[in-house]
C-alpha cells in the first residue's frame, strides 16, 4: 500500500463553514456511498486540523501558566520587599518643625515651666 497524498494543500485552517460546505462526489454507479479516496482525504485533513489546534491550545495553556507564575513571583517579591522596608525603617513621621532640646522645650511650654518650678505667665 502506497503513501496517500491529498490533492488539497494544507495551507490554512478549516472553518466550520468550509466543513459544512464540503460535497463529496458519489461513488461509481456499481458502488454505494462516496468515493473512498475523497472520504479518506477529508478525514486526513480533519485529523491534521485537530492535531494542529490541539498543539496550539496546549501551547496557549503553557504560556498562560508561565505568565501566571511570573506574575505571582513578581507580586510576592514586591510584597516581601515592602514588608522588609517597613520593618527596617520603622514608621515614618513627617515633621514640619525641627525637634527642640528638652531644656528649650521646657522654656517654650508654660505648663512644663510651672512643673519645673518656674512661673507661668499671667500667674503669681
Protein backbone atom coordinates (compact mmCIF):
# COMPACT_ATOMS: atom_id res chain seq x y z
CA UNK A 1 0.00 0.00 0.00
CA UNK A 2 1.47 3.36 -1.03
CA UNK A 3 1.57 6.67 0.79
CA UNK A 4 -1.57 8.69 0.35
CA UNK A 5 -1.16 12.32 -0.73
CA UNK A 6 -4.10 14.65 -0.64
CA UNK A 7 -4.83 16.91 -3.57
CA UNK A 8 -5.72 19.66 -1.12
CA UNK A 9 -2.72 21.59 0.16
CA UNK A 10 -2.88 22.26 3.91
CA UNK A 11 -2.25 26.00 3.72
CA UNK A 12 -4.90 27.42 6.02
CA UNK A 13 -7.12 26.30 8.86
CA UNK A 14 -10.51 24.94 8.02
CA UNK A 15 -13.51 26.84 9.25
CA UNK A 16 -16.81 25.26 10.32
CA UNK A 17 -18.42 26.86 7.27
CA UNK A 18 -15.91 25.22 4.93
CA UNK A 19 -16.51 21.83 6.51
CA UNK A 20 -20.27 22.25 6.23
CA UNK A 21 -19.88 23.19 2.56
CA UNK A 22 -17.93 20.03 1.66
CA UNK A 23 -19.67 17.98 -1.00
CA UNK A 24 -18.17 14.59 -1.63
CA UNK A 25 -18.61 13.10 -5.07
CA UNK A 26 -20.70 9.93 -5.21
CA UNK A 27 -19.10 6.61 -5.96
CA UNK A 28 -19.35 4.85 -9.29
CA UNK A 29 -22.76 3.51 -10.33
CA UNK A 30 -21.80 -0.01 -9.22
CA UNK A 31 -20.72 1.11 -5.69
CA UNK A 32 -22.73 2.70 -2.93
CA UNK A 33 -21.81 5.84 -1.00
CA UNK A 34 -18.95 8.24 -1.75
CA UNK A 35 -15.56 7.78 -3.32
CA UNK A 36 -13.36 6.22 -0.75
CA UNK A 37 -10.26 8.31 -1.63
CA UNK A 38 -12.23 11.56 -1.23
CA UNK A 39 -13.57 10.49 2.18
CA UNK A 40 -10.08 9.44 3.27
CA UNK A 41 -8.64 12.78 2.12
CA UNK A 42 -11.25 14.69 4.11
CA UNK A 43 -10.68 12.56 7.21
CA UNK A 44 -6.90 13.07 6.97
CA UNK A 45 -7.38 16.81 6.63
CA UNK A 46 -9.71 16.94 9.63
CA UNK A 47 -7.30 14.85 11.72
CA UNK A 48 -4.46 17.20 10.78
CA UNK A 49 -6.52 20.23 11.77
CA UNK A 50 -7.48 18.70 15.12
CA UNK A 51 -3.85 17.86 15.93
CA UNK A 52 -2.68 21.36 14.98
CA UNK A 53 -5.37 23.05 17.05
CA UNK A 54 -4.66 20.74 19.98
CA UNK A 55 -0.98 21.73 19.86
CA UNK A 56 -1.92 25.42 19.70
CA UNK A 57 -4.24 25.00 22.66
CA UNK A 58 -1.55 23.28 24.72
CA UNK A 59 0.97 26.00 23.83
CA UNK A 60 -1.50 28.69 24.86
CA UNK A 61 -2.19 26.93 28.17
CA UNK A 62 1.54 26.54 28.87
CA UNK A 63 2.14 30.23 28.10
CA UNK A 64 -0.78 31.15 30.36
CA UNK A 65 0.70 29.14 33.23
CA UNK A 66 4.14 30.70 32.66
CA UNK A 67 2.66 34.19 32.81
CA UNK A 68 0.68 33.37 35.97
CA UNK A 69 3.81 32.03 37.70
CA UNK A 70 5.82 35.09 36.69
CA UNK A 71 3.08 37.40 37.99
CA UNK A 72 2.88 35.55 41.31
CA UNK A 73 6.65 35.71 41.69
CA UNK A 74 6.71 39.41 40.88
CA UNK A 75 3.87 40.11 43.33
CA UNK A 76 5.48 38.13 46.16
CA UNK A 77 8.87 39.80 45.60
CA UNK A 78 7.23 43.21 45.59
CA UNK A 79 5.21 42.44 48.75
CA UNK A 80 8.18 40.99 50.64
CA UNK A 81 10.31 43.98 49.62
CA UNK A 82 7.70 46.40 51.01
CA UNK A 83 7.47 44.45 54.29
CA UNK A 84 11.23 44.40 54.77
CA UNK A 85 11.48 48.15 54.08
CA UNK A 86 8.80 48.86 56.70
CA UNK A 87 10.47 46.61 59.24
CA UNK A 88 13.89 48.20 58.87
CA UNK A 89 12.95 51.88 58.71
CA UNK A 90 10.08 51.86 61.18
CA UNK A 91 7.22 54.26 60.99
CA UNK A 92 7.93 57.41 59.06
CA UNK A 93 6.74 60.57 60.77
CA UNK A 94 6.79 63.78 58.86
CA UNK A 95 7.95 66.65 60.99
CA UNK A 96 7.36 70.22 59.90
CA UNK A 97 9.42 71.83 62.69
CA UNK A 98 12.83 70.79 63.97
CA UNK A 99 12.96 68.98 67.30
CA UNK A 100 13.76 71.07 70.35
CA UNK A 101 16.14 70.09 73.09
CA UNK A 102 14.45 69.20 76.45
CA UNK A 103 15.58 72.47 78.13
CA UNK A 104 14.28 74.54 75.22
CA UNK A 105 11.01 72.63 75.28
CA UNK A 106 10.51 73.43 78.98
CA UNK A 107 11.17 77.14 78.28
CA UNK A 108 8.67 77.20 75.45
CA UNK A 109 5.87 75.32 77.23
CA UNK A 110 4.30 77.23 80.19
CA UNK A 111 2.95 74.07 81.78
CA UNK A 112 6.39 72.45 81.64
CA UNK A 113 7.96 75.61 83.14
CA UNK A 114 5.46 75.58 86.03
CA UNK A 115 6.21 71.93 86.67
CA UNK A 116 9.93 72.75 86.75
CA UNK A 117 9.34 75.39 89.47
CA UNK A 118 9.07 78.45 87.25
CA UNK A 119 6.14 80.76 86.97
CA UNK A 120 3.55 80.63 84.29
CA UNK A 121 2.74 83.90 82.55
CA UNK A 122 -0.29 85.67 83.98
CA UNK A 123 0.14 83.86 87.27
CA UNK A 124 1.64 84.94 90.59
